[in-house]
């Protein structure tokens, strides 16, 4: 067999191709530098500063902000944020996986229409959608009106449901906001899955549950991992839903960071919380990558 010619980096054509590749990715590198690396560097610089007597920021090496982050009060808020985000991720996965699988198994025309239905909520303002849920969940809202008209109140529920401004309302809002971010990555993996493998597993005697556990789940795992990351990380830092649907009674880390910059005007401490939140994202991503590599080796 004839060997393939090796690439000669001294060749001017190879050098031009390499230079052209750098030109193609230059906009991405510049964008990352300006809007990711530079803001993160500014955040770190502010987190190591301190607040003066008159509220001004004094830039001097100071780790007191990070020590304060690990105060039990803020650790409790971090724990609550992680718990809410984890619950939101699990609910989005349980709801979104069957939806994504069903869409992926449809004919192209039907599939495109169903994907359009998933994307329609993004056509309206996030605040409008949140206020719509407030109108649904409040005591005199659509949900209680429907239950009253159907006789469920007082036959099943002795009084109207008080869901608004509760942790339940926050979870409902988070699931509604991030469900499409779970459906779309899983759909991408399920749509590429060769259905002949599923049929072969059935022909070899595997039952539906075993096929789902040992064939479908492993082949769609990349979409599951991507969806979990896209839901879990932003759900931790969400503050608009907790403010509006939780009535500022359910504090999450996003609310604390927002209040430090807008109300307390303690930029250094807010920056320290932001840095820790970013590290939490990096840790989540690294954990998913580690589990994926361990599973591949096993």
C-alpha atoms as a PDB file:
ATOM      1  CA  UNK A   1       0.000   0.000   0.000  1.00  0.00           C
ATOM      2  CA  UNK A   2       1.345   3.382  -0.966  1.00  0.00           C
ATOM      3  CA  UNK A   3       2.129   5.627   2.001  1.00  0.00           C
ATOM      4  CA  UNK A   4       0.301   8.898   2.249  1.00  0.00           C
ATOM      5  CA  UNK A   5       2.492  11.966   1.707  1.00  0.00           C
ATOM      6  CA  UNK A   6       3.471  13.735   4.908  1.00  0.00           C
ATOM      7  CA  UNK A   7       2.711  17.391   5.482  1.00  0.00           C
ATOM      8  CA  UNK A   8       5.782  19.548   5.025  1.00  0.00           C
ATOM      9  CA  UNK A   9       5.518  22.551   7.292  1.00  0.00           C
ATOM     10  CA  UNK A  10       8.284  24.254   5.338  1.00  0.00           C
ATOM     11  CA  UNK A  11       6.035  24.191   2.295  1.00  0.00           C
ATOM     12  CA  UNK A  12       4.673  27.734   1.702  1.00  0.00           C
ATOM     13  CA  UNK A  13       1.242  26.265   0.849  1.00  0.00           C
ATOM     14  CA  UNK A  14       1.149  24.518   4.245  1.00  0.00           C
ATOM     15  CA  UNK A  15       2.173  27.724   5.986  1.00  0.00           C
ATOM     16  CA  UNK A  16      -0.537  29.666   4.163  1.00  0.00           C
ATOM     17  CA  UNK A  17      -3.139  27.025   5.096  1.00  0.00           C
ATOM     18  CA  UNK A  18      -2.083  27.222   8.738  1.00  0.00           C
ATOM     19  CA  UNK A  19      -2.217  31.028   8.664  1.00  0.00           C
ATOM     20  CA  UNK A  20      -5.651  30.875   7.048  1.00  0.00           C
ATOM     21  CA  UNK A  21      -6.880  28.590   9.825  1.00  0.00           C
ATOM     22  CA  UNK A  22      -5.754  31.118  12.431  1.00  0.00           C
ATOM     23  CA  UNK A  23      -7.552  33.876  10.555  1.00  0.00           C
ATOM     24  CA  UNK A  24     -10.741  31.822  10.605  1.00  0.00           C
ATOM     25  CA  UNK A  25     -10.688  31.353  14.378  1.00  0.00           C
ATOM     26  CA  UNK A  26      -9.376  34.860  15.120  1.00  0.00           C
ATOM     27  CA  UNK A  27     -12.898  36.337  15.651  1.00  0.00           C
ATOM     28  CA  UNK A  28     -13.682  33.606  18.177  1.00  0.00           C
ATOM     29  CA  UNK A  29     -10.373  34.128  20.002  1.00  0.00           C
ATOM     30  CA  UNK A  30     -10.937  37.904  20.120  1.00  0.00           C
ATOM     31  CA  UNK A  31     -14.517  37.453  21.337  1.00  0.00           C
ATOM     32  CA  UNK A  32     -13.400  35.040  24.090  1.00  0.00           C
ATOM     33  CA  UNK A  33     -10.622  37.397  25.109  1.00  0.00           C
ATOM     34  CA  UNK A  34     -12.862  40.465  25.321  1.00  0.00           C
ATOM     35  CA  UNK A  35     -16.020  38.967  26.793  1.00  0.00           C
ATOM     36  CA  UNK A  36     -14.823  35.928  28.781  1.00  0.00           C
ATOM     37  CA  UNK A  37     -11.181  36.174  29.801  1.00  0.00           C
ATOM     38  CA  UNK A  38     -11.061  39.945  30.421  1.00  0.00           C
ATOM     39  CA  UNK A  39     -14.288  40.108  32.503  1.00  0.00           C
ATOM     40  CA  UNK A  40     -13.152  37.086  34.516  1.00  0.00           C
ATOM     41  CA  UNK A  41      -9.822  38.785  35.181  1.00  0.00           C
ATOM     42  CA  UNK A  42     -11.627  41.946  36.317  1.00  0.00           C
ATOM     43  CA  UNK A  43     -13.860  39.824  38.564  1.00  0.00           C
ATOM     44  CA  UNK A  44     -10.827  38.172  40.178  1.00  0.00           C
ATOM     45  CA  UNK A  45      -9.141  41.558  40.675  1.00  0.00           C
ATOM     46  CA  UNK A  46     -12.232  42.964  42.389  1.00  0.00           C
ATOM     47  CA  UNK A  47     -12.593  39.850  44.552  1.00  0.00           C
ATOM     48  CA  UNK A  48      -9.129  40.473  46.005  1.00  0.00           C
ATOM     49  CA  UNK A  49      -9.932  44.117  46.784  1.00  0.00           C
ATOM     50  CA  UNK A  50     -11.682  45.574  49.816  1.00  0.00           C
ATOM     51  CA  UNK A  51     -14.407  48.119  50.502  1.00  0.00           C
ATOM     52  CA  UNK A  52     -13.370  51.413  52.087  1.00  0.00           C
ATOM     53  CA  UNK A  53     -15.176  53.352  54.797  1.00  0.00           C
ATOM     54  CA  UNK A  54     -17.127  55.367  52.224  1.00  0.00           C
ATOM     55  CA  UNK A  55     -17.929  52.326  50.080  1.00  0.00           C
ATOM     56  CA  UNK A  56     -15.135  52.863  47.570  1.00  0.00           C
ATOM     57  CA  UNK A  57     -13.185  49.897  46.229  1.00  0.00           C
ATOM     58  CA  UNK A  58      -9.584  49.752  47.453  1.00  0.00           C
ATOM     59  CA  UNK A  59      -7.349  47.504  45.374  1.00  0.00           C
ATOM     60  CA  UNK A  60      -5.018  45.678  47.731  1.00  0.00           C
ATOM     61  CA  UNK A  61      -4.367  41.968  48.106  1.00  0.00           C
ATOM     62  CA  UNK A  62      -7.089  40.800  50.459  1.00  0.00           C
ATOM     63  CA  UNK A  63      -8.533  37.319  50.932  1.00  0.00           C
ATOM     64  CA  UNK A  64     -11.174  38.337  53.486  1.00  0.00           C
ATOM     65  CA  UNK A  65     -13.904  38.170  50.842  1.00  0.00           C
ATOM     66  CA  UNK A  66     -13.172  34.515  50.159  1.00  0.00           C
ATOM     67  CA  UNK A  67     -13.097  33.774  53.880  1.00  0.00           C
ATOM     68  CA  UNK A  68     -16.528  35.389  54.158  1.00  0.00           C
ATOM     69  CA  UNK A  69     -17.850  33.244  51.300  1.00  0.00           C
ATOM     70  CA  UNK A  70     -17.391  30.192  53.524  1.00  0.00           C
ATOM     71  CA  UNK A  71     -19.474  31.662  56.312  1.00  0.00           C
ATOM     72  CA  UNK A  72     -22.197  29.131  57.281  1.00  0.00           C
ATOM     73  CA  UNK A  73     -24.905  31.521  56.072  1.00  0.00           C
ATOM     74  CA  UNK A  74     -23.526  31.629  52.537  1.00  0.00           C
ATOM     75  CA  UNK A  75     -22.615  27.947  52.522  1.00  0.00           C
ATOM     76  CA  UNK A  76     -26.270  27.238  53.322  1.00  0.00           C
ATOM     77  CA  UNK A  77     -27.331  29.426  50.388  1.00  0.00           C
ATOM     78  CA  UNK A  78     -24.839  27.629  48.122  1.00  0.00           C
ATOM     79  CA  UNK A  79     -26.218  24.293  49.298  1.00  0.00           C
ATOM     80  CA  UNK A  80     -29.798  25.432  48.671  1.00  0.00           C
ATOM     81  CA  UNK A  81     -28.850  26.678  45.206  1.00  0.00           C
ATOM     82  CA  UNK A  82     -27.188  23.371  44.329  1.00  0.00           C
ATOM     83  CA  UNK A  83     -30.187  21.419  45.646  1.00  0.00           C
ATOM     84  CA  UNK A  84     -32.689  23.491  43.643  1.00  0.00           C
ATOM     85  CA  UNK A  85     -30.526  23.278  40.514  1.00  0.00           C
ATOM     86  CA  UNK A  86     -30.112  19.507  40.934  1.00  0.00           C
ATOM     87  CA  UNK A  87     -33.875  19.039  41.389  1.00  0.00           C
ATOM     88  CA  UNK A  88     -34.512  21.209  38.332  1.00  0.00           C
ATOM     89  CA  UNK A  89     -32.017  19.154  36.308  1.00  0.00           C
ATOM     90  CA  UNK A  90     -33.601  15.849  37.338  1.00  0.00           C
ATOM     91  CA  UNK A  91     -37.114  17.064  36.531  1.00  0.00           C
ATOM     92  CA  UNK A  92     -35.994  18.461  33.175  1.00  0.00           C
ATOM     93  CA  UNK A  93     -34.339  15.129  32.382  1.00  0.00           C
ATOM     94  CA  UNK A  94     -37.390  13.082  33.380  1.00  0.00           C
ATOM     95  CA  UNK A  95     -39.721  15.328  31.384  1.00  0.00           C
ATOM     96  CA  UNK A  96     -37.408  16.180  28.511  1.00  0.00           C
ATOM     97  CA  UNK A  97     -35.987  12.763  27.620  1.00  0.00           C
ATOM     98  CA  UNK A  98     -39.297  11.179  26.513  1.00  0.00           C
ATOM     99  CA  UNK A  99     -40.160  14.366  24.604  1.00  0.00           C
ATOM    100  CA  UNK A 100     -36.780  14.425  22.837  1.00  0.00           C
ATOM    101  CA  UNK A 101     -36.990  10.704  22.022  1.00  0.00           C
ATOM    102  CA  UNK A 102     -40.522  11.051  20.646  1.00  0.00           C
ATOM    103  CA  UNK A 103     -39.530  14.017  18.457  1.00  0.00           C
ATOM    104  CA  UNK A 104     -36.445  12.192  17.127  1.00  0.00           C
ATOM    105  CA  UNK A 105     -38.553   9.184  16.055  1.00  0.00           C
ATOM    106  CA  UNK A 106     -41.017  11.206  13.963  1.00  0.00           C
ATOM    107  CA  UNK A 107     -41.060  11.919  10.243  1.00  0.00           C
ATOM    108  CA  UNK A 108     -39.021  15.001   9.225  1.00  0.00           C
ATOM    109  CA  UNK A 109     -42.119  17.156   8.661  1.00  0.00           C
ATOM    110  CA  UNK A 110     -43.648  16.284  12.035  1.00  0.00           C
ATOM    111  CA  UNK A 111     -40.250  16.536  13.699  1.00  0.00           C
ATOM    112  CA  UNK A 112     -39.706  20.086  12.475  1.00  0.00           C
ATOM    113  CA  UNK A 113     -43.138  21.156  13.700  1.00  0.00           C
ATOM    114  CA  UNK A 114     -42.550  19.670  17.131  1.00  0.00           C
ATOM    115  CA  UNK A 115     -39.158  21.366  17.380  1.00  0.00           C
ATOM    116  CA  UNK A 116     -40.871  24.619  16.474  1.00  0.00           C
ATOM    117  CA  UNK A 117     -43.261  24.125  19.393  1.00  0.00           C
ATOM    118  CA  UNK A 118     -40.292  23.613  21.714  1.00  0.00           C
ATOM    119  CA  UNK A 119     -38.685  26.838  20.478  1.00  0.00           C
ATOM    120  CA  UNK A 120     -41.831  29.028  20.462  1.00  0.00           C
ATOM    121  CA  UNK A 121     -41.413  30.164  24.115  1.00  0.00           C
ATOM    122  CA  UNK A 122     -38.116  31.829  23.143  1.00  0.00           C
ATOM    123  CA  UNK A 123     -40.037  34.115  20.801  1.00  0.00           C
ATOM    124  CA  UNK A 124     -41.458  36.044  23.741  1.00  0.00           C
ATOM    125  CA  UNK A 125     -39.735  37.931  26.528  1.00  0.00           C
ATOM    126  CA  UNK A 126     -38.512  35.928  29.494  1.00  0.00           C
ATOM    127  CA  UNK A 127     -40.177  38.395  31.872  1.00  0.00           C
ATOM    128  CA  UNK A 128     -43.516  38.105  30.078  1.00  0.00           C
ATOM    129  CA  UNK A 129     -43.389  34.321  30.401  1.00  0.00           C
ATOM    130  CA  UNK A 130     -42.515  34.591  34.089  1.00  0.00           C
ATOM    131  CA  UNK A 131     -45.377  37.004  34.776  1.00  0.00           C
ATOM    132  CA  UNK A 132     -47.667  34.602  32.915  1.00  0.00           C
ATOM    133  CA  UNK A 133     -46.757  31.903  35.433  1.00  0.00           C
ATOM    134  CA  UNK A 134     -47.458  34.356  38.248  1.00  0.00           C
ATOM    135  CA  UNK A 135     -50.937  34.888  36.802  1.00  0.00           C
ATOM    136  CA  UNK A 136     -51.424  31.114  36.641  1.00  0.00           C
ATOM    137  CA  UNK A 137     -50.192  30.242  40.139  1.00  0.00           C
ATOM    138  CA  UNK A 138     -51.568  33.074  42.263  1.00  0.00           C
ATOM    139  CA  UNK A 139     -54.508  32.419  44.582  1.00  0.00           C
ATOM    140  CA  UNK A 140     -57.031  33.946  42.168  1.00  0.00           C
ATOM    141  CA  UNK A 141     -55.156  32.693  39.117  1.00  0.00           C
ATOM    142  CA  UNK A 142     -55.942  30.338  36.274  1.00  0.00           C
ATOM    143  CA  UNK A 143     -54.929  27.154  38.106  1.00  0.00           C
ATOM    144  CA  UNK A 144     -57.225  27.686  41.087  1.00  0.00           C
ATOM    145  CA  UNK A 145     -60.009  28.935  38.828  1.00  0.00           C
ATOM    146  CA  UNK A 146     -59.764  25.714  36.797  1.00  0.00           C
ATOM    147  CA  UNK A 147     -59.754  23.558  39.925  1.00  0.00           C
ATOM    148  CA  UNK A 148     -62.781  25.414  41.277  1.00  0.00           C
ATOM    149  CA  UNK A 149     -64.689  25.099  37.991  1.00  0.00           C
ATOM    150  CA  UNK A 150     -63.956  21.366  37.827  1.00  0.00           C
ATOM    151  CA  UNK A 151     -65.060  20.816  41.428  1.00  0.00           C
ATOM    152  CA  UNK A 152     -61.608  19.751  42.608  1.00  0.00           C
ATOM    153  CA  UNK A 153     -61.908  22.634  45.073  1.00  0.00           C
ATOM    154  CA  UNK A 154     -63.259  21.763  47.635  1.00  0.00           C
ATOM    155  CA  UNK A 155     -63.774  18.087  46.703  1.00  0.00           C
ATOM    156  CA  UNK A 156     -60.045  17.275  46.633  1.00  0.00           C
ATOM    157  CA  UNK A 157     -58.395  20.456  47.875  1.00  0.00           C
ATOM    158  CA  UNK A 158     -60.224  22.099  50.780  1.00  0.00           C
ATOM    159  CA  UNK A 159     -59.013  25.564  49.793  1.00  0.00           C
ATOM    160  CA  UNK A 160     -57.262  27.258  46.847  1.00  0.00           C
ATOM    161  CA  UNK A 161     -53.647  26.229  46.356  1.00  0.00           C
ATOM    162  CA  UNK A 162     -51.094  28.717  47.644  1.00  0.00           C
ATOM    163  CA  UNK A 163     -48.234  27.949  45.268  1.00  0.00           C
ATOM    164  CA  UNK A 164     -46.979  31.421  44.408  1.00  0.00           C
ATOM    165  CA  UNK A 165     -44.015  32.754  46.401  1.00  0.00           C
ATOM    166  CA  UNK A 166     -43.052  29.268  47.542  1.00  0.00           C
ATOM    167  CA  UNK A 167     -40.139  26.928  46.723  1.00  0.00           C
ATOM    168  CA  UNK A 168     -42.553  24.927  44.550  1.00  0.00           C
ATOM    169  CA  UNK A 169     -43.203  27.983  42.379  1.00  0.00           C
ATOM    170  CA  UNK A 170     -39.448  28.562  42.039  1.00  0.00           C
ATOM    171  CA  UNK A 171     -38.877  24.983  40.870  1.00  0.00           C
ATOM    172  CA  UNK A 172     -41.789  25.234  38.412  1.00  0.00           C
ATOM    173  CA  UNK A 173     -40.316  28.435  36.990  1.00  0.00           C
ATOM    174  CA  UNK A 174     -36.815  26.946  36.699  1.00  0.00           C
ATOM    175  CA  UNK A 175     -38.073  23.786  34.997  1.00  0.00           C
ATOM    176  CA  UNK A 176     -40.150  25.810  32.553  1.00  0.00           C
ATOM    177  CA  UNK A 177     -37.236  28.136  31.755  1.00  0.00           C
ATOM    178  CA  UNK A 178     -34.610  25.446  31.178  1.00  0.00           C
ATOM    179  CA  UNK A 179     -36.587  22.474  29.833  1.00  0.00           C
ATOM    180  CA  UNK A 180     -35.782  23.307  26.163  1.00  0.00           C
ATOM    181  CA  UNK A 181     -32.072  23.282  27.028  1.00  0.00           C
ATOM    182  CA  UNK A 182     -32.481  19.649  28.075  1.00  0.00           C
ATOM    183  CA  UNK A 183     -34.696  18.596  25.170  1.00  0.00           C
ATOM    184  CA  UNK A 184     -32.557  19.927  22.333  1.00  0.00           C
ATOM    185  CA  UNK A 185     -29.203  18.241  23.175  1.00  0.00           C
ATOM    186  CA  UNK A 186     -30.906  14.918  23.878  1.00  0.00           C
ATOM    187  CA  UNK A 187     -32.842  15.255  20.636  1.00  0.00           C
ATOM    188  CA  UNK A 188     -29.535  15.758  18.792  1.00  0.00           C
ATOM    189  CA  UNK A 189     -28.184  12.472  20.174  1.00  0.00           C
ATOM    190  CA  UNK A 190     -31.446  10.553  19.747  1.00  0.00           C
ATOM    191  CA  UNK A 191     -31.894  11.734  16.161  1.00  0.00           C
ATOM    192  CA  UNK A 192     -28.465  10.329  15.215  1.00  0.00           C
ATOM    193  CA  UNK A 193     -29.091   6.982  16.942  1.00  0.00           C
ATOM    194  CA  UNK A 194     -29.272   4.058  14.513  1.00  0.00           C
ATOM    195  CA  UNK A 195     -32.620   2.447  15.220  1.00  0.00           C
ATOM    196  CA  UNK A 196     -31.318  -0.801  13.716  1.00  0.00           C
ATOM    197  CA  UNK A 197     -29.286  -1.269  16.920  1.00  0.00           C
ATOM    198  CA  UNK A 198     -32.477  -1.118  18.979  1.00  0.00           C
ATOM    199  CA  UNK A 199     -34.179  -3.631  16.688  1.00  0.00           C
ATOM    200  CA  UNK A 200     -31.139  -5.921  16.887  1.00  0.00           C
ATOM    201  CA  UNK A 201     -31.263  -5.838  20.681  1.00  0.00           C
ATOM    202  CA  UNK A 202     -34.943  -6.802  20.591  1.00  0.00           C
ATOM    203  CA  UNK A 203     -34.181  -9.625  18.132  1.00  0.00           C
ATOM    204  CA  UNK A 204     -31.525 -10.962  20.517  1.00  0.00           C
ATOM    205  CA  UNK A 205     -34.121 -11.285  23.272  1.00  0.00           C
ATOM    206  CA  UNK A 206     -33.623  -8.094  25.271  1.00  0.00           C
ATOM    207  CA  UNK A 207     -36.723  -6.631  26.849  1.00  0.00           C
ATOM    208  CA  UNK A 208     -37.770  -2.995  26.519  1.00  0.00           C
ATOM    209  CA  UNK A 209     -36.239  -1.945  29.855  1.00  0.00           C
ATOM    210  CA  UNK A 210     -32.933  -3.672  29.102  1.00  0.00           C
ATOM    211  CA  UNK A 211     -32.786  -2.146  25.632  1.00  0.00           C
ATOM    212  CA  UNK A 212     -33.441   1.261  27.105  1.00  0.00           C
ATOM    213  CA  UNK A 213     -30.836   0.801  29.843  1.00  0.00           C
ATOM    214  CA  UNK A 214     -28.056  -0.875  27.864  1.00  0.00           C
ATOM    215  CA  UNK A 215     -28.520   0.459  24.310  1.00  0.00           C
ATOM    216  CA  UNK A 216     -30.498   3.686  24.167  1.00  0.00           C
ATOM    217  CA  UNK A 217     -29.120   5.407  27.276  1.00  0.00           C
ATOM    218  CA  UNK A 218     -25.413   4.774  26.455  1.00  0.00           C
ATOM    219  CA  UNK A 219     -25.862   5.984  22.860  1.00  0.00           C
ATOM    220  CA  UNK A 220     -27.663   9.165  23.921  1.00  0.00           C
ATOM    221  CA  UNK A 221     -25.410   9.849  26.929  1.00  0.00           C
ATOM    222  CA  UNK A 222     -23.544  12.750  25.235  1.00  0.00           C
ATOM    223  CA  UNK A 223     -26.831  14.603  24.812  1.00  0.00           C
ATOM    224  CA  UNK A 224     -27.830  13.831  28.394  1.00  0.00           C
ATOM    225  CA  UNK A 225     -24.508  15.156  29.715  1.00  0.00           C
ATOM    226  CA  UNK A 226     -24.760  18.320  27.610  1.00  0.00           C
ATOM    227  CA  UNK A 227     -28.355  18.909  28.679  1.00  0.00           C
ATOM    228  CA  UNK A 228     -27.531  18.424  32.357  1.00  0.00           C
ATOM    229  CA  UNK A 229     -24.684  20.932  32.125  1.00  0.00           C
ATOM    230  CA  UNK A 230     -26.824  23.466  30.246  1.00  0.00           C
ATOM    231  CA  UNK A 231     -29.564  23.232  32.891  1.00  0.00           C
ATOM    232  CA  UNK A 232     -27.649  22.742  36.139  1.00  0.00           C
ATOM    233  CA  UNK A 233     -25.127  25.587  35.889  1.00  0.00           C
ATOM    234  CA  UNK A 234     -27.439  28.479  34.917  1.00  0.00           C
ATOM    235  CA  UNK A 235     -30.139  27.235  37.306  1.00  0.00           C
ATOM    236  CA  UNK A 236     -27.742  27.772  40.229  1.00  0.00           C
ATOM    237  CA  UNK A 237     -27.210  31.413  39.323  1.00  0.00           C
ATOM    238  CA  UNK A 238     -30.766  32.307  38.309  1.00  0.00           C
ATOM    239  CA  UNK A 239     -32.129  35.208  40.354  1.00  0.00           C
ATOM    240  CA  UNK A 240     -35.012  36.639  38.291  1.00  0.00           C
ATOM    241  CA  UNK A 241     -37.296  33.635  38.796  1.00  0.00           C
ATOM    242  CA  UNK A 242     -36.540  33.403  42.518  1.00  0.00           C
ATOM    243  CA  UNK A 243     -37.252  37.127  42.914  1.00  0.00           C
ATOM    244  CA  UNK A 244     -40.483  37.137  40.919  1.00  0.00           C
ATOM    245  CA  UNK A 245     -41.986  33.714  41.629  1.00  0.00           C
ATOM    246  CA  UNK A 246     -40.373  33.192  45.015  1.00  0.00           C
ATOM    247  CA  UNK A 247     -41.218  36.676  46.221  1.00  0.00           C
ATOM    248  CA  UNK A 248     -37.583  37.149  47.354  1.00  0.00           C
ATOM    249  CA  UNK A 249     -38.314  34.588  50.085  1.00  0.00           C
ATOM    250  CA  UNK A 250     -36.209  31.841  48.507  1.00  0.00           C
ATOM    251  CA  UNK A 251     -32.654  33.174  48.314  1.00  0.00           C
ATOM    252  CA  UNK A 252     -30.222  31.515  45.944  1.00  0.00           C
ATOM    253  CA  UNK A 253     -26.644  32.423  45.206  1.00  0.00           C
ATOM    254  CA  UNK A 254     -27.680  34.435  42.149  1.00  0.00           C
ATOM    255  CA  UNK A 255     -29.860  36.648  44.349  1.00  0.00           C
ATOM    256  CA  UNK A 256     -27.008  37.219  46.796  1.00  0.00           C
ATOM    257  CA  UNK A 257     -24.568  38.186  44.033  1.00  0.00           C
ATOM    258  CA  UNK A 258     -27.150  40.476  42.428  1.00  0.00           C
ATOM    259  CA  UNK A 259     -27.879  42.194  45.750  1.00  0.00           C
ATOM    260  CA  UNK A 260     -24.199  42.715  46.516  1.00  0.00           C
ATOM    261  CA  UNK A 261     -23.725  44.646  43.276  1.00  0.00           C
ATOM    262  CA  UNK A 262     -27.030  46.544  43.185  1.00  0.00           C
ATOM    263  CA  UNK A 263     -28.085  47.113  46.817  1.00  0.00           C
ATOM    264  CA  UNK A 264     -25.198  46.545  49.213  1.00  0.00           C
ATOM    265  CA  UNK A 265     -22.708  47.999  46.682  1.00  0.00           C
ATOM    266  CA  UNK A 266     -20.088  45.611  48.024  1.00  0.00           C
ATOM    267  CA  UNK A 267     -18.394  44.860  44.711  1.00  0.00           C
ATOM    268  CA  UNK A 268     -15.424  42.908  46.159  1.00  0.00           C
ATOM    269  CA  UNK A 269     -17.601  40.442  48.044  1.00  0.00           C
ATOM    270  CA  UNK A 270     -19.996  40.089  45.114  1.00  0.00           C
ATOM    271  CA  UNK A 271     -16.993  39.426  42.860  1.00  0.00           C
ATOM    272  CA  UNK A 272     -15.692  36.773  45.270  1.00  0.00           C
ATOM    273  CA  UNK A 273     -19.074  35.034  45.184  1.00  0.00           C
ATOM    274  CA  UNK A 274     -18.978  35.236  41.380  1.00  0.00           C
ATOM    275  CA  UNK A 275     -15.518  33.662  41.251  1.00  0.00           C
ATOM    276  CA  UNK A 276     -16.624  30.815  43.517  1.00  0.00           C
ATOM    277  CA  UNK A 277     -19.706  30.343  41.344  1.00  0.00           C
ATOM    278  CA  UNK A 278     -17.470  30.159  38.241  1.00  0.00           C
ATOM    279  CA  UNK A 279     -15.271  27.579  39.964  1.00  0.00           C
ATOM    280  CA  UNK A 280     -18.411  25.603  40.741  1.00  0.00           C
ATOM    281  CA  UNK A 281     -19.215  25.557  37.024  1.00  0.00           C
ATOM    282  CA  UNK A 282     -15.666  24.390  36.201  1.00  0.00           C
ATOM    283  CA  UNK A 283     -15.962  21.682  38.858  1.00  0.00           C
ATOM    284  CA  UNK A 284     -19.295  20.485  37.434  1.00  0.00           C
ATOM    285  CA  UNK A 285     -17.840  20.316  33.931  1.00  0.00           C
ATOM    286  CA  UNK A 286     -14.706  18.500  35.127  1.00  0.00           C
ATOM    287  CA  UNK A 287     -16.834  16.000  37.064  1.00  0.00           C
ATOM    288  CA  UNK A 288     -18.914  15.198  33.977  1.00  0.00           C
ATOM    289  CA  UNK A 289     -15.763  14.783  31.879  1.00  0.00           C
ATOM    290  CA  UNK A 290     -14.162  12.537  34.503  1.00  0.00           C
ATOM    291  CA  UNK A 291     -17.237  10.352  34.756  1.00  0.00           C
ATOM    292  CA  UNK A 292     -17.370  10.095  30.955  1.00  0.00           C
ATOM    293  CA  UNK A 293     -13.723   9.034  30.668  1.00  0.00           C
ATOM    294  CA  UNK A 294     -14.112   6.554  33.530  1.00  0.00           C
ATOM    295  CA  UNK A 295     -17.196   5.058  31.907  1.00  0.00           C
ATOM    296  CA  UNK A 296     -15.410   4.784  28.542  1.00  0.00           C
ATOM    297  CA  UNK A 297     -12.467   2.984  30.127  1.00  0.00           C
ATOM    298  CA  UNK A 298     -14.798   0.661  32.039  1.00  0.00           C
END
